[in-house]
N, C-alpha and C. Protein backbone atom coordinates (compact mmCIF):
# COMPACT_ATOMS: atom_id res chain seq x y z
N UNK A 1 -1.75 15.56 191.64
CA UNK A 1 -1.56 17.10 192.02
C UNK A 1 -0.51 17.44 191.18
N UNK A 2 0.62 16.57 190.94
CA UNK A 2 1.51 17.00 189.81
C UNK A 2 1.04 17.44 188.61
N UNK A 3 0.14 16.58 188.06
CA UNK A 3 -0.64 17.06 186.90
C UNK A 3 -1.22 18.25 186.95
N UNK A 4 -1.92 18.43 187.94
CA UNK A 4 -2.65 19.67 188.04
C UNK A 4 -1.64 20.95 188.08
N UNK A 5 -0.55 20.77 188.69
CA UNK A 5 0.52 21.78 188.70
C UNK A 5 0.96 22.05 187.40
N UNK A 6 1.17 21.02 186.63
CA UNK A 6 1.59 21.51 185.33
C UNK A 6 0.57 22.17 184.52
N UNK A 7 -0.65 21.93 184.65
CA UNK A 7 -1.64 22.68 184.06
C UNK A 7 -1.95 23.86 184.41
N UNK A 8 -1.60 24.05 185.72
CA UNK A 8 -1.43 25.61 186.23
C UNK A 8 -0.34 26.31 185.56
N UNK A 9 0.74 25.61 185.52
CA UNK A 9 1.89 26.29 185.05
C UNK A 9 1.68 26.64 183.67
N UNK A 10 1.02 25.70 182.66
CA UNK A 10 0.85 25.93 181.37
C UNK A 10 -0.25 27.13 181.25
N UNK A 11 -1.14 27.34 182.04
CA UNK A 11 -2.21 28.29 182.21
C UNK A 11 -1.39 29.63 182.44
N UNK A 12 -0.66 29.37 183.36
CA UNK A 12 0.20 30.84 183.70
C UNK A 12 0.92 31.14 182.44
N UNK A 13 1.56 30.26 181.82
CA UNK A 13 2.29 30.56 180.56
C UNK A 13 1.59 31.18 179.55
N UNK A 14 0.50 30.43 179.43
CA UNK A 14 -0.55 30.89 178.36
C UNK A 14 -0.97 32.34 178.73
N UNK A 15 -1.03 32.49 180.04
CA UNK A 15 -1.53 33.87 180.37
C UNK A 15 -0.62 34.93 180.18
N UNK A 16 0.72 34.58 180.38
CA UNK A 16 1.79 35.38 180.41
C UNK A 16 2.02 35.79 178.80
N UNK A 17 1.93 34.52 177.91
CA UNK A 17 2.22 34.83 176.46
C UNK A 17 0.90 35.71 175.97
N UNK A 18 -0.12 35.37 176.55
CA UNK A 18 -1.35 36.19 176.06
C UNK A 18 -1.06 37.70 176.32
N UNK A 19 -0.64 37.79 177.59
CA UNK A 19 -0.37 39.17 178.01
C UNK A 19 0.67 39.88 177.11
N UNK A 20 1.88 39.05 176.83
CA UNK A 20 2.76 39.64 175.93
C UNK A 20 2.30 39.86 174.72
N UNK A 21 1.55 39.10 174.07
CA UNK A 21 1.01 39.22 172.76
C UNK A 21 0.05 40.30 172.77
N UNK A 22 -0.87 40.49 173.75
CA UNK A 22 -1.64 41.64 173.76
C UNK A 22 -0.84 42.91 173.83
N UNK A 23 0.30 42.90 174.76
CA UNK A 23 0.98 44.03 174.97
C UNK A 23 1.71 44.36 173.51
N UNK A 24 2.21 43.42 173.01
CA UNK A 24 2.79 43.61 171.66
C UNK A 24 1.85 44.27 170.65
N UNK A 25 0.65 43.71 170.64
CA UNK A 25 -0.39 44.07 169.67
C UNK A 25 -0.78 45.63 169.90
N UNK A 26 -0.88 45.98 171.22
CA UNK A 26 -1.20 47.34 171.69
C UNK A 26 0.04 48.15 171.19
N UNK A 27 1.26 47.71 171.33
CA UNK A 27 2.49 48.48 171.21
C UNK A 27 2.50 48.75 169.63
N UNK A 28 2.25 47.50 168.86
CA UNK A 28 2.20 47.72 167.29
C UNK A 28 1.15 48.60 167.02
N UNK A 29 -0.06 48.64 167.61
CA UNK A 29 -1.28 49.48 167.18
C UNK A 29 -0.89 50.94 167.44
N UNK A 30 -0.09 51.16 168.68
CA UNK A 30 0.14 52.55 168.99
C UNK A 30 1.29 52.98 168.12
N UNK A 31 2.36 52.22 167.79
CA UNK A 31 3.40 52.56 166.89
C UNK A 31 2.78 53.09 165.57
N UNK A 32 1.96 51.95 165.02
CA UNK A 32 1.25 52.23 163.62
C UNK A 32 0.61 53.54 163.73
N UNK A 33 -0.22 53.75 164.89
CA UNK A 33 -1.03 55.08 164.80
C UNK A 33 -0.11 56.10 165.16
N UNK A 34 1.03 56.11 165.79
CA UNK A 34 2.02 57.23 165.93
C UNK A 34 2.73 57.38 164.63
N UNK A 35 3.05 56.25 163.86
CA UNK A 35 3.66 56.44 162.52
C UNK A 35 2.80 57.04 161.67
N UNK A 36 1.54 56.66 161.65
CA UNK A 36 0.59 57.16 160.68
C UNK A 36 0.47 58.71 161.01
N UNK A 37 0.33 59.17 162.22
CA UNK A 37 0.21 60.57 162.61
C UNK A 37 1.50 61.26 162.18
N UNK A 38 2.71 60.68 162.38
CA UNK A 38 3.96 61.20 162.12
C UNK A 38 4.10 61.49 160.59
N UNK A 39 3.60 60.30 159.86
CA UNK A 39 3.76 60.35 158.53
C UNK A 39 2.86 61.50 157.92
N UNK A 40 1.60 61.57 158.54
CA UNK A 40 0.65 62.68 158.29
C UNK A 40 1.30 63.95 158.38
N UNK A 41 2.01 64.17 159.51
CA UNK A 41 2.62 65.48 159.69
C UNK A 41 3.69 65.78 158.80
N UNK A 42 4.53 64.60 158.35
CA UNK A 42 5.59 64.90 157.45
C UNK A 42 4.95 65.23 156.16
N UNK A 43 3.99 64.42 155.81
CA UNK A 43 3.37 64.82 154.53
C UNK A 43 2.88 66.28 154.35
N UNK A 44 2.24 66.64 155.62
CA UNK A 44 1.66 68.08 155.54
C UNK A 44 2.93 69.09 155.56
N UNK A 45 4.03 68.82 156.18
CA UNK A 45 5.10 69.63 156.18
C UNK A 45 5.63 69.69 154.73
N UNK A 46 5.83 68.53 154.14
CA UNK A 46 6.26 68.56 152.68
C UNK A 46 5.34 69.44 151.72
N UNK A 47 4.05 69.04 152.13
CA UNK A 47 3.16 69.94 151.23
C UNK A 47 3.34 71.46 151.52
N UNK A 48 3.57 71.84 152.71
CA UNK A 48 3.77 73.19 153.11
C UNK A 48 5.10 73.87 152.34
N UNK A 49 6.12 72.91 152.41
CA UNK A 49 7.45 73.31 151.83
C UNK A 49 7.36 73.40 150.32
N UNK A 50 6.45 72.53 149.68
CA UNK A 50 6.25 72.54 148.23
C UNK A 50 5.40 73.84 147.90
N UNK A 51 4.42 74.15 148.78
CA UNK A 51 3.53 75.36 148.50
C UNK A 51 4.43 76.52 148.81
N UNK A 52 5.18 76.44 149.66
CA UNK A 52 6.12 77.63 149.87
C UNK A 52 7.16 77.83 148.82
N UNK A 53 7.84 76.74 148.29
CA UNK A 53 8.53 76.92 147.08
C UNK A 53 7.81 77.44 145.84
N UNK A 54 6.53 76.86 145.68
CA UNK A 54 5.62 77.58 144.67
C UNK A 54 5.43 78.98 144.78
N UNK A 55 5.21 79.36 146.03
CA UNK A 55 4.89 80.70 146.35
C UNK A 55 6.25 81.60 146.24
N UNK A 56 7.19 80.93 146.51
CA UNK A 56 8.61 81.79 146.51
C UNK A 56 8.64 81.96 144.79
N UNK A 57 8.63 80.93 143.95
CA UNK A 57 8.81 81.22 142.71
C UNK A 57 7.67 82.07 142.05
N UNK A 58 6.59 82.23 142.49
CA UNK A 58 5.52 83.16 142.20
C UNK A 58 5.98 84.41 142.52
N UNK A 59 6.44 84.63 143.90
CA UNK A 59 7.00 86.01 144.37
C UNK A 59 8.17 86.51 143.57
N UNK A 60 8.95 85.45 143.22
CA UNK A 60 10.26 85.99 142.28
C UNK A 60 9.68 86.33 140.94
N UNK A 61 8.70 85.79 140.40
CA UNK A 61 8.07 86.08 139.12
C UNK A 61 7.39 87.51 139.15
N UNK A 62 6.61 87.70 140.40
CA UNK A 62 6.10 89.01 140.46
C UNK A 62 7.01 90.08 140.78
N UNK A 63 8.20 89.80 141.46
CA UNK A 63 9.17 90.83 141.56
C UNK A 63 9.84 91.08 140.39
N UNK A 64 10.06 90.11 139.45
CA UNK A 64 10.43 90.42 138.13
C UNK A 64 9.73 91.27 137.34
N UNK A 65 8.36 90.88 137.30
CA UNK A 65 7.43 91.78 136.55
C UNK A 65 7.32 93.26 137.21
N UNK A 66 7.33 93.44 138.41
CA UNK A 66 7.43 94.75 139.16
C UNK A 66 8.68 95.34 138.87
N UNK A 67 9.95 94.73 138.64
CA UNK A 67 11.11 95.43 138.36
C UNK A 67 10.91 95.97 136.82
N UNK A 68 10.36 95.04 135.86
CA UNK A 68 10.20 95.46 134.57
C UNK A 68 9.18 96.50 134.51
N UNK A 69 8.18 96.60 135.10
CA UNK A 69 7.28 97.84 135.22
C UNK A 69 7.79 98.96 135.60
N UNK A 70 8.65 98.98 136.85
CA UNK A 70 9.29 99.93 137.56
C UNK A 70 10.35 100.59 136.39
N UNK A 71 11.07 99.69 135.60
CA UNK A 71 12.09 100.17 134.50
C UNK A 71 11.06 101.02 133.52
N UNK A 72 9.96 100.44 133.15
CA UNK A 72 9.28 101.06 132.12
C UNK A 72 8.63 102.33 132.58
N UNK A 73 8.36 102.51 134.05
CA UNK A 73 7.80 103.67 134.56
C UNK A 73 8.86 104.64 134.58
N UNK A 74 10.01 104.25 134.96
CA UNK A 74 11.21 105.16 134.94
C UNK A 74 11.40 105.71 133.53
N UNK A 75 11.31 104.84 132.53
CA UNK A 75 11.53 105.47 131.00
C UNK A 75 10.40 106.40 130.71
N UNK A 76 9.13 106.07 131.23
CA UNK A 76 8.02 106.99 130.76
C UNK A 76 8.20 108.24 131.55
N UNK A 77 8.78 108.28 132.84
CA UNK A 77 9.00 109.48 133.54
C UNK A 77 10.07 110.25 132.88
N UNK A 78 11.24 109.66 132.48
CA UNK A 78 12.30 110.37 131.82
C UNK A 78 11.76 110.88 130.57
N UNK A 79 10.84 110.26 129.85
CA UNK A 79 10.30 110.87 128.51
C UNK A 79 9.35 111.97 128.89
N UNK A 80 8.74 111.84 129.82
CA UNK A 80 7.73 112.85 130.21
C UNK A 80 8.53 114.18 130.74
N UNK A 81 9.74 113.90 131.30
CA UNK A 81 10.56 114.95 131.84
C UNK A 81 11.18 115.56 130.41
N UNK A 82 11.71 114.81 129.48
CA UNK A 82 12.17 115.56 128.13
C UNK A 82 10.96 116.25 127.54
N UNK A 83 9.81 115.69 127.51
CA UNK A 83 8.67 116.25 126.81
C UNK A 83 8.33 117.67 127.43
N UNK A 84 8.51 117.67 128.87
CA UNK A 84 8.26 118.80 129.56
C UNK A 84 9.32 120.06 129.21
N UNK A 85 10.68 119.35 129.32
CA UNK A 85 11.63 120.47 128.73
C UNK A 85 11.44 120.97 127.35
N UNK A 86 11.00 120.09 126.42
CA UNK A 86 10.61 120.46 125.06
C UNK A 86 9.41 121.62 125.14
N UNK A 87 8.55 121.20 125.95
CA UNK A 87 7.40 122.06 125.91
C UNK A 87 7.75 123.50 126.63
N UNK A 88 8.74 123.37 127.51
CA UNK A 88 9.15 124.57 128.13
C UNK A 88 9.98 125.50 127.30
N UNK A 89 10.89 124.74 126.51
CA UNK A 89 11.52 125.48 125.50
C UNK A 89 10.65 126.03 124.29
N UNK A 90 9.71 125.18 123.90
CA UNK A 90 8.72 125.65 122.80
C UNK A 90 7.82 126.98 123.44
N UNK A 91 7.52 126.91 124.70
CA UNK A 91 6.74 127.99 125.17
C UNK A 91 7.56 129.11 125.19
N UNK A 92 8.87 129.01 125.62
CA UNK A 92 9.97 130.32 125.51
C UNK A 92 10.01 130.69 124.28
N UNK A 93 10.26 129.89 123.10
CA UNK A 93 10.29 130.41 121.78
C UNK A 93 9.14 130.98 121.47
N UNK A 94 7.81 130.50 121.74
CA UNK A 94 6.72 131.22 121.41
C UNK A 94 6.49 132.61 122.16
N UNK A 95 7.04 132.82 123.29
CA UNK A 95 6.98 133.97 124.06
C UNK A 95 7.93 135.09 123.36
N UNK A 96 9.22 134.46 122.93
CA UNK A 96 10.22 135.31 122.27
C UNK A 96 9.57 135.77 120.66
N UNK A 97 8.96 134.92 120.19
CA UNK A 97 8.13 135.22 118.87
C UNK A 97 7.14 136.28 119.12
N UNK A 98 6.49 136.07 120.14
CA UNK A 98 5.28 137.16 120.44
C UNK A 98 5.89 138.35 120.70
N UNK A 99 7.06 138.45 121.54
CA UNK A 99 7.77 139.62 121.78
C UNK A 99 8.21 140.25 120.49
N UNK A 100 8.84 139.58 119.53
CA UNK A 100 9.33 140.06 118.12
C UNK A 100 8.19 140.58 117.51
N UNK A 101 7.04 139.81 117.52
CA UNK A 101 6.02 140.24 116.61
C UNK A 101 5.54 141.56 117.26
N UNK A 102 5.35 141.80 118.70
CA UNK A 102 5.14 142.90 119.21
C UNK A 102 5.98 144.21 118.72
N UNK A 103 7.35 143.81 118.68
CA UNK A 103 8.35 144.92 118.30
C UNK A 103 8.01 145.19 116.75
N UNK A 104 7.68 144.22 116.07
CA UNK A 104 7.42 144.46 114.69
C UNK A 104 6.34 145.28 114.45
N UNK A 105 5.07 144.94 115.25
CA UNK A 105 4.11 145.89 115.21
C UNK A 105 4.26 147.29 115.65
N UNK A 106 5.17 147.42 116.65
CA UNK A 106 5.36 148.68 117.13
C UNK A 106 6.27 149.53 116.07
N UNK A 107 7.04 148.75 115.34
CA UNK A 107 7.93 149.35 114.26
C UNK A 107 7.18 149.73 113.07
N UNK A 108 6.01 148.83 112.89
CA UNK A 108 5.15 149.12 111.72
C UNK A 108 4.42 150.40 112.11
N UNK A 109 3.86 150.50 113.44
CA UNK A 109 3.15 151.73 113.79
C UNK A 109 4.01 153.04 113.50
N UNK A 110 5.26 152.96 114.05
CA UNK A 110 6.27 154.01 114.05
C UNK A 110 6.47 154.43 112.58
N UNK A 111 6.59 153.31 111.67
CA UNK A 111 6.80 153.58 110.28
C UNK A 111 5.55 154.37 109.50
N UNK A 112 4.36 153.83 109.97
CA UNK A 112 3.19 154.58 109.67
C UNK A 112 3.08 156.01 110.05
N UNK A 113 3.31 156.17 111.44
CA UNK A 113 3.48 157.65 111.82
C UNK A 113 4.64 158.39 111.01
N UNK A 114 5.64 157.87 110.68
CA UNK A 114 6.65 158.70 109.86
C UNK A 114 6.10 158.82 108.49
N UNK A 115 5.48 157.86 107.90
CA UNK A 115 4.88 157.90 106.62
C UNK A 115 3.99 159.14 106.45
N UNK A 116 3.13 159.25 107.67
CA UNK A 116 2.06 160.13 107.73
C UNK A 116 2.80 161.66 107.87
N UNK A 117 3.82 161.52 108.70
CA UNK A 117 4.64 163.00 108.85
C UNK A 117 5.25 163.25 107.37
N UNK A 118 5.80 162.22 106.74
CA UNK A 118 6.43 162.60 105.41
C UNK A 118 5.40 163.13 104.52
N UNK A 119 4.22 162.51 104.52
CA UNK A 119 3.23 162.94 103.57
C UNK A 119 2.70 164.54 103.93
N UNK A 120 2.69 164.51 105.35
CA UNK A 120 2.22 166.09 105.84
C UNK A 120 3.53 166.95 105.22
N UNK A 121 4.80 166.49 105.43
CA UNK A 121 5.71 167.41 104.93
C UNK A 121 5.69 167.72 103.68
N UNK A 122 5.50 166.70 102.80
CA UNK A 122 5.29 166.77 101.27
C UNK A 122 4.19 167.65 100.98
N UNK A 123 3.14 167.59 101.63
CA UNK A 123 2.06 168.45 101.46
C UNK A 123 2.42 169.93 101.63
N UNK A 124 3.23 170.16 102.75
CA UNK A 124 3.65 171.58 103.09
C UNK A 124 4.61 172.07 101.96
N UNK A 125 5.50 171.31 101.58
CA UNK A 125 6.44 171.52 100.64
C UNK A 125 5.82 171.84 99.33
N UNK A 126 4.78 171.10 98.99
CA UNK A 126 4.04 171.54 97.71
C UNK A 126 3.18 172.78 97.95
N UNK A 127 2.77 173.16 99.07
CA UNK A 127 1.90 174.23 99.20
C UNK A 127 2.98 175.50 99.23
N UNK A 128 4.03 175.23 99.72
CA UNK A 128 5.31 176.22 99.72
C UNK A 128 5.73 176.58 98.28
N UNK A 129 5.92 175.34 97.62
CA UNK A 129 6.31 175.48 96.26
C UNK A 129 5.46 176.34 95.37
N UNK A 130 4.11 176.07 95.76
CA UNK A 130 3.05 176.66 94.97
C UNK A 130 2.92 178.24 95.37
N UNK A 131 3.21 178.54 96.60
CA UNK A 131 3.39 180.04 97.07
C UNK A 131 4.49 180.61 96.46
N UNK A 132 5.63 179.97 96.47
CA UNK A 132 6.81 180.52 95.92
C UNK A 132 6.54 180.64 94.36
N UNK A 133 5.95 179.73 93.61
CA UNK A 133 5.63 180.15 92.29
C UNK A 133 4.70 181.21 92.10
N UNK A 134 3.84 181.33 93.13
CA UNK A 134 2.72 182.45 93.01
C UNK A 134 3.79 183.91 93.30
N UNK A 135 4.47 183.87 94.08
CA UNK A 135 5.33 185.10 94.56
C UNK A 135 6.20 185.46 93.43
N UNK A 136 6.81 184.31 92.70
CA UNK A 136 7.69 184.67 91.72
C UNK A 136 6.77 185.31 90.64
N UNK A 137 5.57 184.91 90.31
CA UNK A 137 4.66 185.45 89.26
C UNK A 137 4.36 186.83 89.59
N UNK A 138 4.50 187.21 90.83
CA UNK A 138 4.26 188.59 91.28
C UNK A 138 5.41 189.54 91.12
N UNK A 139 6.49 189.10 91.05
CA UNK A 139 7.70 189.83 90.80
C UNK A 139 7.72 190.51 89.52
N UNK A 140 8.12 191.69 89.51
CA UNK A 140 8.13 192.33 88.07
C UNK A 140 9.56 192.61 87.89
N UNK A 141 9.73 192.55 86.60
CA UNK A 141 11.29 192.85 86.08
C UNK A 141 11.30 194.40 85.97
N UNK A 142 12.51 194.89 86.31
CA UNK A 142 12.70 196.30 86.04
C UNK A 142 13.09 196.40 84.58
N UNK A 143 13.20 197.69 84.05
CA UNK A 143 13.43 197.95 82.61
C UNK A 143 14.97 197.81 82.54
N UNK A 144 15.86 197.76 83.63
CA UNK A 144 17.13 197.57 83.52
C UNK A 144 17.54 196.25 82.77
N UNK A 145 18.41 196.18 81.91
CA UNK A 145 18.99 195.13 81.34
C UNK A 145 19.57 194.02 82.35
N UNK A 146 19.39 192.69 81.95
CA UNK A 146 19.96 191.74 82.77
C UNK A 146 21.46 191.72 82.56
N UNK A 147 22.17 191.30 83.58
CA UNK A 147 23.60 191.18 83.71
C UNK A 147 23.96 189.67 83.57
N UNK A 148 24.89 189.48 82.65
CA UNK A 148 25.42 188.15 82.55
C UNK A 148 27.00 188.16 83.15
N UNK A 149 27.03 187.28 84.18
CA UNK A 149 28.35 186.98 84.86
C UNK A 149 28.96 185.70 84.48
N UNK A 150 30.27 185.79 84.19
CA UNK A 150 30.87 184.51 83.91
C UNK A 150 31.17 183.78 85.36
N UNK A 151 31.70 182.66 85.30
CA UNK A 151 31.83 182.10 86.67
C UNK A 151 33.00 182.85 87.33
N UNK A 152 32.95 183.05 88.51
CA UNK A 152 33.96 183.82 89.33
C UNK A 152 33.50 184.43 90.59
N UNK A 153 34.17 185.52 91.03
CA UNK A 153 33.83 186.24 92.20
C UNK A 153 33.70 187.52 91.75
N UNK A 154 32.55 188.19 92.46
CA UNK A 154 32.23 189.57 91.98
C UNK A 154 31.80 190.50 93.07
N UNK A 155 32.09 191.71 93.08
CA UNK A 155 31.66 192.73 94.04
C UNK A 155 30.67 193.69 93.85
N UNK A 156 29.43 193.57 94.66
CA UNK A 156 28.29 194.41 94.37
C UNK A 156 28.87 195.95 94.72
N UNK A 157 28.57 196.71 93.82
CA UNK A 157 28.80 198.32 93.85
C UNK A 157 30.06 198.47 92.95
N UNK A 158 30.66 197.43 92.58
CA UNK A 158 31.88 197.59 91.70
C UNK A 158 31.70 196.79 90.23
N UNK A 159 31.28 195.51 90.43
CA UNK A 159 31.12 194.78 89.19
C UNK A 159 29.48 194.83 88.69
N UNK A 160 28.66 194.74 89.69
CA UNK A 160 27.18 194.96 89.53
C UNK A 160 26.66 195.99 90.42
N UNK A 161 25.52 196.51 89.97
CA UNK A 161 24.78 197.44 90.82
C UNK A 161 24.12 196.86 92.11
N UNK A 162 23.99 197.71 93.08
CA UNK A 162 23.11 197.19 94.17
C UNK A 162 21.69 197.21 94.05
N UNK A 163 21.09 196.10 93.72
CA UNK A 163 19.65 195.96 93.25
C UNK A 163 19.17 194.61 93.94
N UNK A 164 17.88 194.60 93.71
CA UNK A 164 17.40 193.24 93.88
C UNK A 164 17.31 192.34 92.60
N UNK A 165 17.76 191.06 92.60
CA UNK A 165 18.05 190.42 91.63
C UNK A 165 17.18 189.09 91.50
N UNK A 166 17.16 188.42 90.40
CA UNK A 166 16.69 187.10 89.94
C UNK A 166 17.96 186.49 89.43
N UNK A 167 18.48 185.55 90.14
CA UNK A 167 19.74 184.77 89.61
C UNK A 167 19.28 183.66 89.05
N UNK A 168 19.83 183.31 87.84
CA UNK A 168 19.47 181.97 87.03
C UNK A 168 20.76 181.51 86.32
N UNK A 169 20.87 180.21 86.22
CA UNK A 169 22.15 179.67 85.45
C UNK A 169 21.85 179.84 84.08
N UNK A 170 23.03 180.28 83.40
CA UNK A 170 23.09 180.60 81.96
C UNK A 170 23.68 179.40 81.24
N UNK A 171 22.75 178.35 81.18
CA UNK A 171 23.13 177.11 80.63
C UNK A 171 23.39 175.87 81.52
N UNK A 172 24.61 175.73 82.02
CA UNK A 172 24.97 174.71 82.80
C UNK A 172 24.76 175.09 84.26
N UNK A 173 24.59 174.01 85.13
CA UNK A 173 24.15 174.21 86.59
C UNK A 173 25.48 174.42 87.41
N UNK A 174 25.29 175.09 88.65
CA UNK A 174 26.38 175.06 89.49
C UNK A 174 26.02 175.85 90.72
N UNK A 175 27.02 176.18 91.69
CA UNK A 175 26.65 176.78 92.79
C UNK A 175 26.79 178.30 92.82
N UNK A 176 25.80 178.91 93.47
CA UNK A 176 25.60 180.44 93.46
C UNK A 176 25.67 180.86 94.84
N UNK A 177 26.68 181.55 95.31
CA UNK A 177 26.93 181.93 96.73
C UNK A 177 27.20 183.43 96.88
N UNK A 178 26.37 184.01 98.03
CA UNK A 178 26.60 185.50 98.08
C UNK A 178 26.82 185.65 99.68
N UNK A 179 28.03 186.45 99.89
CA UNK A 179 28.49 186.85 101.27
C UNK A 179 28.12 188.44 101.51
N UNK A 180 27.98 188.78 102.76
CA UNK A 180 27.71 190.06 103.02
C UNK A 180 29.25 190.65 103.02
N UNK A 181 29.11 192.16 102.98
CA UNK A 181 30.48 192.72 103.33
C UNK A 181 31.19 192.23 104.67
N UNK A 182 30.51 191.87 105.46
CA UNK A 182 30.98 191.44 106.81
C UNK A 182 31.46 189.83 106.79
N UNK A 183 31.17 189.16 105.58
CA UNK A 183 31.65 187.77 105.47
C UNK A 183 30.47 186.86 105.91
N UNK A 184 29.18 187.26 106.08
CA UNK A 184 28.02 186.48 106.54
C UNK A 184 27.48 185.96 105.19
N UNK A 185 27.11 184.50 105.42
CA UNK A 185 26.52 183.91 104.25
C UNK A 185 25.06 184.31 104.08
N UNK A 186 24.75 184.87 102.84
CA UNK A 186 23.44 185.23 102.58
C UNK A 186 22.58 184.36 101.58
N UNK A 187 23.42 183.84 100.48
CA UNK A 187 22.81 182.87 99.61
C UNK A 187 23.72 181.63 99.40
N UNK A 188 23.12 180.59 99.34
CA UNK A 188 24.01 179.30 99.04
C UNK A 188 22.89 178.55 98.31
N UNK A 189 22.84 178.48 96.93
CA UNK A 189 21.94 177.74 96.15
C UNK A 189 22.75 177.02 94.95
N UNK A 190 21.91 175.95 94.54
CA UNK A 190 22.43 175.34 93.23
C UNK A 190 21.32 175.77 92.30
N UNK A 191 22.00 176.31 91.24
CA UNK A 191 20.94 176.71 90.22
C UNK A 191 21.17 176.00 88.97
N UNK A 192 20.02 175.78 88.15
CA UNK A 192 19.92 174.96 87.04
C UNK A 192 20.07 173.45 87.16
N UNK A 193 19.62 172.84 88.22
CA UNK A 193 19.82 171.48 88.35
C UNK A 193 18.60 170.83 89.05
N UNK A 194 18.50 169.56 88.89
CA UNK A 194 17.38 168.86 89.57
C UNK A 194 17.23 168.91 91.04
N UNK A 195 18.47 169.07 91.49
CA UNK A 195 18.54 169.33 92.93
C UNK A 195 18.63 170.69 93.41
N UNK A 196 18.49 171.60 92.57
CA UNK A 196 18.52 172.93 92.88
C UNK A 196 17.25 173.68 92.47
N UNK A 197 17.44 174.89 92.09
CA UNK A 197 16.08 175.90 91.51
C UNK A 197 16.61 176.40 90.40
N UNK A 198 15.47 176.75 89.64
CA UNK A 198 15.65 177.36 88.36
C UNK A 198 16.15 178.78 88.50
N UNK A 199 15.87 179.56 89.47
CA UNK A 199 16.14 180.99 89.80
C UNK A 199 15.89 181.17 91.44
N UNK A 200 16.64 182.15 91.66
CA UNK A 200 16.68 182.60 93.26
C UNK A 200 16.74 184.05 93.28
N UNK A 201 15.94 184.75 94.08
CA UNK A 201 15.60 186.03 94.24
C UNK A 201 16.36 186.36 95.38
N UNK A 202 17.21 187.64 95.24
CA UNK A 202 18.00 187.97 96.39
C UNK A 202 18.25 189.50 96.47
N UNK A 203 18.70 190.13 97.51
CA UNK A 203 19.05 191.62 97.60
C UNK A 203 20.64 191.59 97.36
N UNK A 204 21.11 192.30 96.44
CA UNK A 204 22.57 192.59 96.32
C UNK A 204 22.77 194.08 96.88
N UNK A 205 23.49 194.02 98.20
CA UNK A 205 23.81 195.20 99.02
C UNK A 205 25.19 195.63 98.57
N UNK A 206 25.46 196.80 98.84
CA UNK A 206 26.86 197.26 98.50
C UNK A 206 27.86 196.63 99.42
N UNK A 207 28.81 196.19 98.63
CA UNK A 207 29.94 195.43 99.32
C UNK A 207 29.75 193.92 99.45
N UNK A 208 28.50 193.32 98.98
CA UNK A 208 28.47 191.98 99.10
C UNK A 208 29.35 191.30 97.92
N UNK A 209 29.76 189.99 98.22
CA UNK A 209 30.79 189.31 97.35
C UNK A 209 29.76 188.22 96.80
N UNK A 210 29.68 188.11 95.41
CA UNK A 210 29.02 187.04 94.61
C UNK A 210 30.02 186.14 94.10
N UNK A 211 29.87 184.92 94.53
CA UNK A 211 30.73 183.77 93.94
C UNK A 211 29.75 182.74 93.17
N UNK A 212 30.24 182.48 91.90
CA UNK A 212 29.39 181.46 91.08
C UNK A 212 30.46 180.49 90.33
N UNK A 213 30.07 179.24 90.33
CA UNK A 213 30.71 178.34 89.54
C UNK A 213 30.47 178.04 88.16
N UNK A 214 29.37 178.79 87.64
CA UNK A 214 28.93 178.80 86.32
C UNK A 214 28.50 180.16 85.88
N UNK A 215 28.39 180.43 84.62
CA UNK A 215 27.78 181.59 83.95
C UNK A 215 26.38 181.76 84.57
N UNK A 216 26.15 183.04 85.16
CA UNK A 216 24.99 183.39 85.73
C UNK A 216 24.31 184.62 85.11
N UNK A 217 22.98 184.69 85.19
CA UNK A 217 22.22 185.83 84.70
C UNK A 217 21.59 186.42 85.83
N UNK A 218 21.98 187.60 86.03
CA UNK A 218 21.39 188.46 87.11
C UNK A 218 20.25 189.33 86.59
N UNK A 219 19.04 189.13 86.84
CA UNK A 219 17.88 190.02 86.29
C UNK A 219 17.43 190.91 87.28
N UNK A 220 17.42 192.31 86.97
CA UNK A 220 16.87 193.19 88.11
C UNK A 220 15.54 193.09 88.21
N UNK A 221 14.98 192.98 89.45
CA UNK A 221 13.40 192.93 89.66
C UNK A 221 13.13 193.87 90.85
N UNK A 222 11.76 194.12 90.79
CA UNK A 222 11.36 195.22 91.86
C UNK A 222 11.39 194.55 93.30
């Protein structure tokens, strides 16, 4: 019986050891599985961190490129603003030039109008000159002898007779002036000069005063 008792004890120990071994194996299998799972999770976490670091670097690169492009865009906008100011200034200069051109055209039109008036006046003067020459041709000289006066002052009725005269310069040119007896100016001419006339017809009334700065010939006319 004692021998069988030992066998039973051995069997019990074998069972216990087997159970322990089995439990140890299960524990090791569970630990191994858990470690494998943890390692897998850690590996995935490291991969995620690595990917995030890569994305962070790429984000920084994109931000740098965006900043560079923003600076470029600001330079372009600044350049466009300057071009706009230049264009505005150029447009203002063009408007001013057009206004000046309009003023010049207006002045040209006024000059043309004045030129037409001057031509008209010259035509009238030429017609009057022809008429004067024609009238002069109609004046008949009287049989009375011409009177030659030196330069000086003379009284009609005392120094010369009260007649109608044609006054002309006797050689050199000068001023020929006649006042009435009341002091009114009747004649004021330059005789014998390119700026004056060759002769002047006037009525010498009693009491008139004749002033001449050069010798003058008074020829009686009808």
